[in-house]
Amino acid sequence: ETTVYLACSPKSNSAYMAINEALELVNRTGNLPVPLHLRNAPTKLMAE
């Protein structure tokens, strides 16, 4: 049942391509810093 359903379904590999491209980007650019506004601030120092 699952095999027939998958075979008959429309196809897209956009998510697959996106994660592969993202991984390649990470390998190429390294550990870029997280923007300040996206960081958590659990301590007073971090908030400051």
All heavy atoms as atom14 arrays in JSON, in Angstrom:
{
  "sequence": "ETTVYLACSPKSNSAYMAINEALELVNRTGNLPVPLHLRNAPTKLMAE",
  "atom14_mask": [
    [1, 1, 1, 1, 1, 1, 1, 1, 1, 0, 0, 0, 0, 0],
    [1, 1, 1, 1, 1, 1, 1, 0, 0, 0, 0, 0, 0, 0],
    [1, 1, 1, 1, 1, 1, 1, 0, 0, 0, 0, 0, 0, 0],
    [1, 1, 1, 1, 1, 1, 1, 0, 0, 0, 0, 0, 0, 0],
    [1, 1, 1, 1, 1, 1, 1, 1, 1, 1, 1, 1, 0, 0],
    [1, 1, 1, 1, 1, 1, 1, 1, 0, 0, 0, 0, 0, 0],
    [1, 1, 1, 1, 1, 0, 0, 0, 0, 0, 0, 0, 0, 0],
    [1, 1, 1, 1, 1, 1, 0, 0, 0, 0, 0, 0, 0, 0],
    [1, 1, 1, 1, 1, 1, 0, 0, 0, 0, 0, 0, 0, 0],
    [1, 1, 1, 1, 1, 1, 1, 0, 0, 0, 0, 0, 0, 0],
    [1, 1, 1, 1, 1, 1, 1, 1, 1, 0, 0, 0, 0, 0],
    [1, 1, 1, 1, 1, 1, 0, 0, 0, 0, 0, 0, 0, 0],
    [1, 1, 1, 1, 1, 1, 1, 1, 0, 0, 0, 0, 0, 0],
    [1, 1, 1, 1, 1, 1, 0, 0, 0, 0, 0, 0, 0, 0],
    [1, 1, 1, 1, 1, 0, 0, 0, 0, 0, 0, 0, 0, 0],
    [1, 1, 1, 1, 1, 1, 1, 1, 1, 1, 1, 1, 0, 0],
    [1, 1, 1, 1, 1, 1, 1, 1, 0, 0, 0, 0, 0, 0],
    [1, 1, 1, 1, 1, 0, 0, 0, 0, 0, 0, 0, 0, 0],
    [1, 1, 1, 1, 1, 1, 1, 1, 0, 0, 0, 0, 0, 0],
    [1, 1, 1, 1, 1, 1, 1, 1, 0, 0, 0, 0, 0, 0],
    [1, 1, 1, 1, 1, 1, 1, 1, 1, 0, 0, 0, 0, 0],
    [1, 1, 1, 1, 1, 0, 0, 0, 0, 0, 0, 0, 0, 0],
    [1, 1, 1, 1, 1, 1, 1, 1, 0, 0, 0, 0, 0, 0],
    [1, 1, 1, 1, 1, 1, 1, 1, 1, 0, 0, 0, 0, 0],
    [1, 1, 1, 1, 1, 1, 1, 1, 0, 0, 0, 0, 0, 0],
    [1, 1, 1, 1, 1, 1, 1, 0, 0, 0, 0, 0, 0, 0],
    [1, 1, 1, 1, 1, 1, 1, 1, 0, 0, 0, 0, 0, 0],
    [1, 1, 1, 1, 1, 1, 1, 1, 1, 1, 1, 0, 0, 0],
    [1, 1, 1, 1, 1, 1, 1, 0, 0, 0, 0, 0, 0, 0],
    [1, 1, 1, 1, 0, 0, 0, 0, 0, 0, 0, 0, 0, 0],
    [1, 1, 1, 1, 1, 1, 1, 1, 0, 0, 0, 0, 0, 0],
    [1, 1, 1, 1, 1, 1, 1, 1, 0, 0, 0, 0, 0, 0],
    [1, 1, 1, 1, 1, 1, 1, 0, 0, 0, 0, 0, 0, 0],
    [1, 1, 1, 1, 1, 1, 1, 0, 0, 0, 0, 0, 0, 0],
    [1, 1, 1, 1, 1, 1, 1, 0, 0, 0, 0, 0, 0, 0],
    [1, 1, 1, 1, 1, 1, 1, 1, 0, 0, 0, 0, 0, 0],
    [1, 1, 1, 1, 1, 1, 1, 1, 1, 1, 0, 0, 0, 0],
    [1, 1, 1, 1, 1, 1, 1, 1, 0, 0, 0, 0, 0, 0],
    [1, 1, 1, 1, 1, 1, 1, 1, 1, 1, 1, 0, 0, 0],
    [1, 1, 1, 1, 1, 1, 1, 1, 0, 0, 0, 0, 0, 0],
    [1, 1, 1, 1, 1, 0, 0, 0, 0, 0, 0, 0, 0, 0],
    [1, 1, 1, 1, 1, 1, 1, 0, 0, 0, 0, 0, 0, 0],
    [1, 1, 1, 1, 1, 1, 1, 0, 0, 0, 0, 0, 0, 0],
    [1, 1, 1, 1, 1, 1, 1, 1, 1, 0, 0, 0, 0, 0],
    [1, 1, 1, 1, 1, 1, 1, 1, 0, 0, 0, 0, 0, 0],
    [1, 1, 1, 1, 1, 1, 1, 1, 0, 0, 0, 0, 0, 0],
    [1, 1, 1, 1, 1, 0, 0, 0, 0, 0, 0, 0, 0, 0],
    [1, 1, 1, 1, 1, 1, 1, 1, 1, 0, 0, 0, 0, 0]
  ],
  "atom14_positions": [
    [[0.83, -1.21, 0.0], [0.0, 0.0, 0.0], [0.87, 1.25, 0.0], [0.64, 2.2, -0.77], [-0.92, 0.0, 1.22], [-1.79, 1.25, 1.32], [-2.65, 1.28, 2.58], [-2.75, 0.25, 3.26], [-3.21, 2.36, 2.89], [0.0, 0.0, 0.0], [0.0, 0.0, 0.0], [0.0, 0.0, 0.0], [0.0, 0.0, 0.0], [0.0, 0.0, 0.0]],
    [[1.84, 1.26, 0.87], [2.72, 2.43, 0.98], [3.55, 2.61, -0.28], [3.74, 3.74, -0.76], [3.64, 2.28, 2.21], [2.86, 1.99, 3.36], [4.44, 3.55, 2.45], [0.0, 0.0, 0.0], [0.0, 0.0, 0.0], [0.0, 0.0, 0.0], [0.0, 0.0, 0.0], [0.0, 0.0, 0.0], [0.0, 0.0, 0.0], [0.0, 0.0, 0.0]],
    [[4.03, 1.52, -0.83], [4.84, 1.58, -2.06], [4.05, 2.21, -3.21], [4.54, 3.12, -3.89], [5.31, 0.17, -2.46], [6.21, -0.32, -1.45], [6.01, 0.18, -3.81], [0.0, 0.0, 0.0], [0.0, 0.0, 0.0], [0.0, 0.0, 0.0], [0.0, 0.0, 0.0], [0.0, 0.0, 0.0], [0.0, 0.0, 0.0], [0.0, 0.0, 0.0]],
    [[2.84, 1.74, -3.42], [2.01, 2.27, -4.51], [1.7, 3.75, -4.28], [1.76, 4.56, -5.2], [0.72, 1.45, -4.65], [-0.23, 2.12, -5.64], [1.05, 0.03, -5.12], [0.0, 0.0, 0.0], [0.0, 0.0, 0.0], [0.0, 0.0, 0.0], [0.0, 0.0, 0.0], [0.0, 0.0, 0.0], [0.0, 0.0, 0.0], [0.0, 0.0, 0.0]],
    [[1.38, 4.1, -3.03], [1.06, 5.49, -2.72], [2.25, 6.41, -3.0], [2.1, 7.47, -3.61], [0.63, 5.61, -1.25], [0.21, 7.01, -0.85], [-1.08, 7.47, -1.1], [1.09, 7.88, -0.22], [-1.48, 8.75, -0.74], [0.71, 9.17, 0.15], [-0.58, 9.59, -0.12], [-0.96, 10.88, 0.25], [0.0, 0.0, 0.0], [0.0, 0.0, 0.0]],
    [[3.43, 6.0, -2.57], [4.61, 6.83, -2.79], [4.93, 6.95, -4.28], [5.29, 8.02, -4.76], [5.82, 6.26, -2.04], [5.75, 6.19, -0.51], [7.12, 5.86, 0.07], [5.22, 7.46, 0.1], [0.0, 0.0, 0.0], [0.0, 0.0, 0.0], [0.0, 0.0, 0.0], [0.0, 0.0, 0.0], [0.0, 0.0, 0.0], [0.0, 0.0, 0.0]],
    [[4.81, 5.84, -4.99], [5.11, 5.87, -6.42], [4.15, 6.79, -7.17], [4.54, 7.45, -8.13], [5.05, 4.45, -7.0], [0.0, 0.0, 0.0], [0.0, 0.0, 0.0], [0.0, 0.0, 0.0], [0.0, 0.0, 0.0], [0.0, 0.0, 0.0], [0.0, 0.0, 0.0], [0.0, 0.0, 0.0], [0.0, 0.0, 0.0], [0.0, 0.0, 0.0]],
    [[2.89, 6.84, -6.75], [1.88, 7.64, -7.43], [1.86, 9.1, -6.96], [1.16, 9.93, -7.55], [0.49, 7.02, -7.23], [0.29, 5.4, -8.02], [0.0, 0.0, 0.0], [0.0, 0.0, 0.0], [0.0, 0.0, 0.0], [0.0, 0.0, 0.0], [0.0, 0.0, 0.0], [0.0, 0.0, 0.0], [0.0, 0.0, 0.0], [0.0, 0.0, 0.0]],
    [[2.59, 9.41, -5.9], [2.6, 10.77, -5.35], [3.42, 11.72, -6.22], [4.38, 11.3, -6.87], [3.18, 10.77, -3.93], [2.3, 10.18, -3.0], [0.0, 0.0, 0.0], [0.0, 0.0, 0.0], [0.0, 0.0, 0.0], [0.0, 0.0, 0.0], [0.0, 0.0, 0.0], [0.0, 0.0, 0.0], [0.0, 0.0, 0.0], [0.0, 0.0, 0.0]],
    [[3.04, 13.02, -6.23], [3.92, 14.01, -6.88], [5.26, 14.05, -6.17], [5.37, 13.7, -5.0], [3.14, 15.33, -6.72], [2.22, 15.1, -5.56], [1.86, 13.64, -5.6], [0.0, 0.0, 0.0], [0.0, 0.0, 0.0], [0.0, 0.0, 0.0], [0.0, 0.0, 0.0], [0.0, 0.0, 0.0], [0.0, 0.0, 0.0], [0.0, 0.0, 0.0]],
    [[6.29, 14.45, -6.88], [7.65, 14.36, -6.37], [8.28, 15.74, -6.19], [8.05, 16.66, -6.99], [8.53, 13.53, -7.31], [8.01, 12.13, -7.61], [7.91, 11.24, -6.39], [7.58, 9.8, -6.66], [6.21, 9.63, -7.2], [0.0, 0.0, 0.0], [0.0, 0.0, 0.0], [0.0, 0.0, 0.0], [0.0, 0.0, 0.0], [0.0, 0.0, 0.0]],
    [[9.08, 15.86, -5.13], [9.88, 17.06, -4.91], [11.07, 16.7, -4.04], [10.93, 15.98, -3.05], [9.07, 18.16, -4.22], [9.93, 19.24, -3.83], [0.0, 0.0, 0.0], [0.0, 0.0, 0.0], [0.0, 0.0, 0.0], [0.0, 0.0, 0.0], [0.0, 0.0, 0.0], [0.0, 0.0, 0.0], [0.0, 0.0, 0.0], [0.0, 0.0, 0.0]],
    [[12.23, 17.19, -4.4], [13.42, 16.99, -3.57], [13.93, 18.32, -3.03], [15.12, 18.47, -2.72], [14.52, 16.26, -4.34], [15.08, 17.07, -5.49], [14.48, 18.07, -5.92], [16.23, 16.66, -6.02], [0.0, 0.0, 0.0], [0.0, 0.0, 0.0], [0.0, 0.0, 0.0], [0.0, 0.0, 0.0], [0.0, 0.0, 0.0], [0.0, 0.0, 0.0]],
    [[13.04, 19.32, -2.9], [13.47, 20.65, -2.48], [14.07, 20.64, -1.08], [15.08, 21.32, -0.82], [12.32, 21.66, -2.57], [11.29, 21.36, -1.64], [0.0, 0.0, 0.0], [0.0, 0.0, 0.0], [0.0, 0.0, 0.0], [0.0, 0.0, 0.0], [0.0, 0.0, 0.0], [0.0, 0.0, 0.0], [0.0, 0.0, 0.0], [0.0, 0.0, 0.0]],
    [[13.49, 19.88, -0.14], [14.03, 19.82, 1.21], [15.39, 19.11, 1.21], [16.32, 19.52, 1.9], [13.05, 19.12, 2.15], [0.0, 0.0, 0.0], [0.0, 0.0, 0.0], [0.0, 0.0, 0.0], [0.0, 0.0, 0.0], [0.0, 0.0, 0.0], [0.0, 0.0, 0.0], [0.0, 0.0, 0.0], [0.0, 0.0, 0.0], [0.0, 0.0, 0.0]],
    [[15.47, 18.02, 0.44], [16.72, 17.27, 0.31], [17.83, 18.16, -0.25], [18.95, 18.2, 0.27], [16.47, 16.08, -0.61], [17.69, 15.28, -1.03], [18.28, 14.38, -0.16], [18.21, 15.42, -2.31], [19.38, 13.64, -0.55], [19.32, 14.68, -2.71], [19.9, 13.79, -1.83], [21.0, 13.07, -2.22], [0.0, 0.0, 0.0], [0.0, 0.0, 0.0]],
    [[17.52, 18.91, -1.3], [18.5, 19.81, -1.9], [18.87, 20.94, -0.95], [20.02, 21.36, -0.88], [17.95, 20.39, -3.21], [17.67, 19.36, -4.3], [19.16, 18.53, -4.89], [19.91, 19.89, -5.79], [0.0, 0.0, 0.0], [0.0, 0.0, 0.0], [0.0, 0.0, 0.0], [0.0, 0.0, 0.0], [0.0, 0.0, 0.0], [0.0, 0.0, 0.0]],
    [[17.88, 21.43, -0.2], [18.12, 22.55, 0.73], [19.11, 22.15, 1.82], [20.04, 22.91, 2.14], [16.81, 23.03, 1.33], [0.0, 0.0, 0.0], [0.0, 0.0, 0.0], [0.0, 0.0, 0.0], [0.0, 0.0, 0.0], [0.0, 0.0, 0.0], [0.0, 0.0, 0.0], [0.0, 0.0, 0.0], [0.0, 0.0, 0.0], [0.0, 0.0, 0.0]],
    [[18.91, 20.97, 2.43], [19.81, 20.58, 3.52], [21.21, 20.27, 2.98], [22.21, 20.61, 3.61], [19.25, 19.38, 4.33], [20.15, 19.07, 5.54], [19.09, 18.14, 3.46], [20.28, 20.2, 6.53], [0.0, 0.0, 0.0], [0.0, 0.0, 0.0], [0.0, 0.0, 0.0], [0.0, 0.0, 0.0], [0.0, 0.0, 0.0], [0.0, 0.0, 0.0]],
    [[21.3, 19.68, 1.77], [22.62, 19.42, 1.19], [23.35, 20.73, 0.89], [24.55, 20.86, 1.14], [22.49, 18.59, -0.08], [22.16, 17.14, 0.2], [22.24, 16.69, 1.35], [21.77, 16.39, -0.82], [0.0, 0.0, 0.0], [0.0, 0.0, 0.0], [0.0, 0.0, 0.0], [0.0, 0.0, 0.0], [0.0, 0.0, 0.0], [0.0, 0.0, 0.0]],
    [[22.61, 21.69, 0.34], [23.22, 22.99, 0.04], [23.63, 23.71, 1.32], [24.67, 24.35, 1.38], [22.23, 23.84, -0.77], [22.88, 25.07, -1.4], [21.99, 25.78, -2.4], [21.12, 25.12, -3.03], [22.15, 27.01, -2.57], [0.0, 0.0, 0.0], [0.0, 0.0, 0.0], [0.0, 0.0, 0.0], [0.0, 0.0, 0.0], [0.0, 0.0, 0.0]],
    [[22.79, 23.59, 2.35], [23.1, 24.22, 3.63], [24.36, 23.61, 4.25], [25.2, 24.32, 4.8], [21.92, 24.11, 4.58], [0.0, 0.0, 0.0], [0.0, 0.0, 0.0], [0.0, 0.0, 0.0], [0.0, 0.0, 0.0], [0.0, 0.0, 0.0], [0.0, 0.0, 0.0], [0.0, 0.0, 0.0], [0.0, 0.0, 0.0], [0.0, 0.0, 0.0]],
    [[24.48, 22.28, 4.18], [25.66, 21.61, 4.72], [26.92, 22.01, 3.97], [27.97, 22.23, 4.57], [25.47, 20.09, 4.68], [24.5, 19.51, 5.71], [24.19, 18.06, 5.39], [25.06, 19.64, 7.12], [0.0, 0.0, 0.0], [0.0, 0.0, 0.0], [0.0, 0.0, 0.0], [0.0, 0.0, 0.0], [0.0, 0.0, 0.0], [0.0, 0.0, 0.0]],
    [[26.8, 22.11, 2.67], [27.94, 22.54, 1.86], [28.33, 23.97, 2.23], [29.51, 24.31, 2.34], [27.58, 22.44, 0.37], [28.77, 22.61, -0.58], [29.14, 24.04, -0.85], [28.22, 24.9, -0.84], [30.34, 24.33, -1.04], [0.0, 0.0, 0.0], [0.0, 0.0, 0.0], [0.0, 0.0, 0.0], [0.0, 0.0, 0.0], [0.0, 0.0, 0.0]],
    [[27.31, 24.82, 2.47], [27.56, 26.2, 2.87], [28.26, 26.26, 4.22], [29.2, 27.04, 4.42], [26.24, 26.97, 2.92], [26.3, 28.45, 3.31], [27.08, 29.25, 2.27], [24.9, 29.02, 3.49], [0.0, 0.0, 0.0], [0.0, 0.0, 0.0], [0.0, 0.0, 0.0], [0.0, 0.0, 0.0], [0.0, 0.0, 0.0], [0.0, 0.0, 0.0]],
    [[27.82, 25.43, 5.16], [28.44, 25.38, 6.48], [29.9, 24.94, 6.37], [30.79, 25.5, 7.02], [27.64, 24.44, 7.41], [28.43, 24.16, 8.7], [26.28, 25.04, 7.75], [0.0, 0.0, 0.0], [0.0, 0.0, 0.0], [0.0, 0.0, 0.0], [0.0, 0.0, 0.0], [0.0, 0.0, 0.0], [0.0, 0.0, 0.0], [0.0, 0.0, 0.0]],
    [[30.15, 23.91, 5.56], [31.52, 23.44, 5.38], [32.41, 24.52, 4.77], [33.6, 24.62, 5.09], [31.54, 22.19, 4.49], [30.98, 20.97, 5.18], [31.02, 20.86, 6.41], [30.43, 20.03, 4.42], [0.0, 0.0, 0.0], [0.0, 0.0, 0.0], [0.0, 0.0, 0.0], [0.0, 0.0, 0.0], [0.0, 0.0, 0.0], [0.0, 0.0, 0.0]],
    [[31.82, 25.34, 3.9], [32.6, 26.36, 3.2], [32.84, 27.59, 4.06], [33.9, 28.21, 4.0], [31.86, 26.76, 1.91], [32.69, 27.6, 0.95], [32.03, 27.81, -0.39], [30.87, 28.67, -0.34], [29.62, 28.29, -0.5], [29.38, 27.01, -0.78], [28.6, 29.13, -0.43], [0.0, 0.0, 0.0], [0.0, 0.0, 0.0], [0.0, 0.0, 0.0]],
    [[31.85, 27.98, 4.88], [31.93, 29.23, 5.62], [32.31, 29.06, 7.09], [32.59, 30.05, 7.77], [30.6, 30.0, 5.53], [29.54, 29.17, 6.06], [30.28, 30.34, 4.07], [0.0, 0.0, 0.0], [0.0, 0.0, 0.0], [0.0, 0.0, 0.0], [0.0, 0.0, 0.0], [0.0, 0.0, 0.0], [0.0, 0.0, 0.0], [0.0, 0.0, 0.0]],
    [[32.28, 27.83, 7.59], [32.67, 27.6, 8.98], [31.6, 28.01, 9.98], [30.42, 28.18, 9.66], [0.0, 0.0, 0.0], [0.0, 0.0, 0.0], [0.0, 0.0, 0.0], [0.0, 0.0, 0.0], [0.0, 0.0, 0.0], [0.0, 0.0, 0.0], [0.0, 0.0, 0.0], [0.0, 0.0, 0.0], [0.0, 0.0, 0.0], [0.0, 0.0, 0.0]],
    [[32.02, 28.2, 11.21], [31.11, 28.5, 12.32], [30.87, 30.0, 12.43], [31.46, 30.68, 13.28], [31.66, 27.94, 13.63], [31.78, 26.43, 13.61], [30.92, 25.74, 13.07], [32.85, 25.91, 14.18], [0.0, 0.0, 0.0], [0.0, 0.0, 0.0], [0.0, 0.0, 0.0], [0.0, 0.0, 0.0], [0.0, 0.0, 0.0], [0.0, 0.0, 0.0]],
    [[30.0, 30.52, 11.62], [29.68, 31.94, 11.68], [28.91, 32.25, 12.96], [28.1, 31.44, 13.42], [28.85, 32.35, 10.45], [29.55, 32.2, 9.09], [28.58, 32.5, 7.96], [30.77, 33.11, 9.01], [0.0, 0.0, 0.0], [0.0, 0.0, 0.0], [0.0, 0.0, 0.0], [0.0, 0.0, 0.0], [0.0, 0.0, 0.0], [0.0, 0.0, 0.0]],
    [[29.15, 33.41, 13.55], [28.49, 33.72, 14.82], [26.98, 33.9, 14.67], [26.51, 34.4, 13.64], [29.17, 35.03, 15.26], [29.71, 35.63, 13.99], [30.08, 34.47, 13.11], [0.0, 0.0, 0.0], [0.0, 0.0, 0.0], [0.0, 0.0, 0.0], [0.0, 0.0, 0.0], [0.0, 0.0, 0.0], [0.0, 0.0, 0.0], [0.0, 0.0, 0.0]],
    [[26.25, 33.5, 15.69], [24.81, 33.73, 15.73], [24.57, 35.22, 15.95], [25.16, 35.81, 16.87], [24.16, 32.91, 16.86], [22.66, 33.21, 16.96], [24.39, 31.41, 16.65], [0.0, 0.0, 0.0], [0.0, 0.0, 0.0], [0.0, 0.0, 0.0], [0.0, 0.0, 0.0], [0.0, 0.0, 0.0], [0.0, 0.0, 0.0], [0.0, 0.0, 0.0]],
    [[23.72, 35.87, 15.15], [23.43, 37.29, 15.38], [22.96, 37.54, 16.82], [22.24, 36.71, 17.39], [22.31, 37.58, 14.38], [22.53, 36.58, 13.28], [23.02, 35.35, 13.96], [0.0, 0.0, 0.0], [0.0, 0.0, 0.0], [0.0, 0.0, 0.0], [0.0, 0.0, 0.0], [0.0, 0.0, 0.0], [0.0, 0.0, 0.0], [0.0, 0.0, 0.0]],
    [[23.36, 38.67, 17.37], [23.06, 38.96, 18.78], [21.58, 38.88, 19.09], [21.16, 38.38, 20.13], [23.6, 40.35, 19.16], [25.12, 40.45, 19.43], [25.5, 41.89, 19.7], [25.51, 39.57, 20.61], [0.0, 0.0, 0.0], [0.0, 0.0, 0.0], [0.0, 0.0, 0.0], [0.0, 0.0, 0.0], [0.0, 0.0, 0.0], [0.0, 0.0, 0.0]],
    [[20.74, 39.38, 18.17], [19.31, 39.44, 18.47], [18.66, 38.05, 18.53], [17.55, 37.9, 19.06], [18.58, 40.33, 17.47], [18.49, 39.78, 16.08], [19.55, 39.8, 15.22], [17.47, 39.19, 15.41], [19.21, 39.25, 14.07], [17.94, 38.88, 14.15], [0.0, 0.0, 0.0], [0.0, 0.0, 0.0], [0.0, 0.0, 0.0], [0.0, 0.0, 0.0]],
    [[19.36, 37.03, 18.0], [18.82, 35.67, 18.05], [19.34, 34.87, 19.24], [18.91, 33.74, 19.45], [19.14, 34.93, 16.76], [18.53, 35.48, 15.46], [18.94, 34.62, 14.28], [17.01, 35.58, 15.55], [0.0, 0.0, 0.0], [0.0, 0.0, 0.0], [0.0, 0.0, 0.0], [0.0, 0.0, 0.0], [0.0, 0.0, 0.0], [0.0, 0.0, 0.0]],
    [[20.25, 35.43, 20.0], [20.82, 34.7, 21.12], [19.94, 34.83, 22.36], [19.3, 35.86, 22.59], [22.22, 35.22, 21.45], [23.19, 35.12, 20.28], [24.59, 35.52, 20.7], [25.47, 35.71, 19.55], [26.76, 35.95, 19.64], [27.35, 35.97, 20.84], [27.49, 36.12, 18.54], [0.0, 0.0, 0.0], [0.0, 0.0, 0.0], [0.0, 0.0, 0.0]],
    [[19.93, 33.78, 23.17], [19.26, 33.84, 24.45], [20.09, 34.65, 25.43], [21.32, 34.73, 25.3], [19.01, 32.44, 25.01], [17.88, 31.73, 24.3], [16.91, 32.36, 23.87], [17.97, 30.41, 24.19], [0.0, 0.0, 0.0], [0.0, 0.0, 0.0], [0.0, 0.0, 0.0], [0.0, 0.0, 0.0], [0.0, 0.0, 0.0], [0.0, 0.0, 0.0]],
    [[19.42, 35.2, 26.43], [20.12, 35.98, 27.46], [19.72, 35.49, 28.85], [19.02, 36.19, 29.6], [19.82, 37.47, 27.29], [0.0, 0.0, 0.0], [0.0, 0.0, 0.0], [0.0, 0.0, 0.0], [0.0, 0.0, 0.0], [0.0, 0.0, 0.0], [0.0, 0.0, 0.0], [0.0, 0.0, 0.0], [0.0, 0.0, 0.0], [0.0, 0.0, 0.0]],
    [[20.16, 34.28, 29.23], [19.76, 33.72, 30.53], [20.44, 34.38, 31.73], [20.01, 34.21, 32.85], [20.17, 32.25, 30.41], [21.29, 32.24, 29.42], [20.99, 33.33, 28.46], [0.0, 0.0, 0.0], [0.0, 0.0, 0.0], [0.0, 0.0, 0.0], [0.0, 0.0, 0.0], [0.0, 0.0, 0.0], [0.0, 0.0, 0.0], [0.0, 0.0, 0.0]],
    [[21.52, 35.16, 31.51], [22.21, 35.82, 32.62], [22.18, 37.33, 32.43], [22.0, 37.85, 31.32], [23.68, 35.35, 32.72], [24.42, 35.84, 31.59], [23.77, 33.83, 32.76], [0.0, 0.0, 0.0], [0.0, 0.0, 0.0], [0.0, 0.0, 0.0], [0.0, 0.0, 0.0], [0.0, 0.0, 0.0], [0.0, 0.0, 0.0], [0.0, 0.0, 0.0]],
    [[22.41, 38.03, 33.52], [22.43, 39.49, 33.48], [23.55, 40.0, 32.57], [23.38, 40.97, 31.82], [22.62, 40.04, 34.9], [22.57, 41.56, 34.98], [22.74, 42.03, 36.42], [22.74, 43.57, 36.46], [22.96, 44.07, 37.85], [0.0, 0.0, 0.0], [0.0, 0.0, 0.0], [0.0, 0.0, 0.0], [0.0, 0.0, 0.0], [0.0, 0.0, 0.0]],
    [[24.71, 39.36, 32.65], [25.84, 39.76, 31.82], [25.48, 39.67, 30.34], [25.79, 40.58, 29.56], [27.06, 38.91, 32.12], [28.3, 39.15, 31.24], [28.78, 40.6, 31.4], [29.42, 38.16, 31.58], [0.0, 0.0, 0.0], [0.0, 0.0, 0.0], [0.0, 0.0, 0.0], [0.0, 0.0, 0.0], [0.0, 0.0, 0.0], [0.0, 0.0, 0.0]],
    [[24.84, 38.57, 29.95], [24.46, 38.4, 28.55], [23.49, 39.48, 28.11], [23.57, 40.0, 27.0], [23.86, 37.01, 28.33], [24.87, 35.89, 28.4], [24.07, 34.29, 28.22], [25.5, 33.21, 28.11], [0.0, 0.0, 0.0], [0.0, 0.0, 0.0], [0.0, 0.0, 0.0], [0.0, 0.0, 0.0], [0.0, 0.0, 0.0], [0.0, 0.0, 0.0]],
    [[22.56, 39.83, 28.99], [21.62, 40.9, 28.67], [22.34, 42.22, 28.49], [22.02, 43.01, 27.6], [20.57, 41.0, 29.77], [0.0, 0.0, 0.0], [0.0, 0.0, 0.0], [0.0, 0.0, 0.0], [0.0, 0.0, 0.0], [0.0, 0.0, 0.0], [0.0, 0.0, 0.0], [0.0, 0.0, 0.0], [0.0, 0.0, 0.0], [0.0, 0.0, 0.0]],
    [[23.34, 42.47, 29.35], [24.13, 43.7, 29.25], [24.94, 43.74, 27.97], [25.27, 44.81, 27.46], [25.05, 43.83, 30.47], [24.3, 44.11, 31.76], [25.22, 44.06, 32.98], [26.4, 43.65, 32.81], [24.75, 44.4, 34.1], [0.0, 0.0, 0.0], [0.0, 0.0, 0.0], [0.0, 0.0, 0.0], [0.0, 0.0, 0.0], [0.0, 0.0, 0.0]]
  ]
}
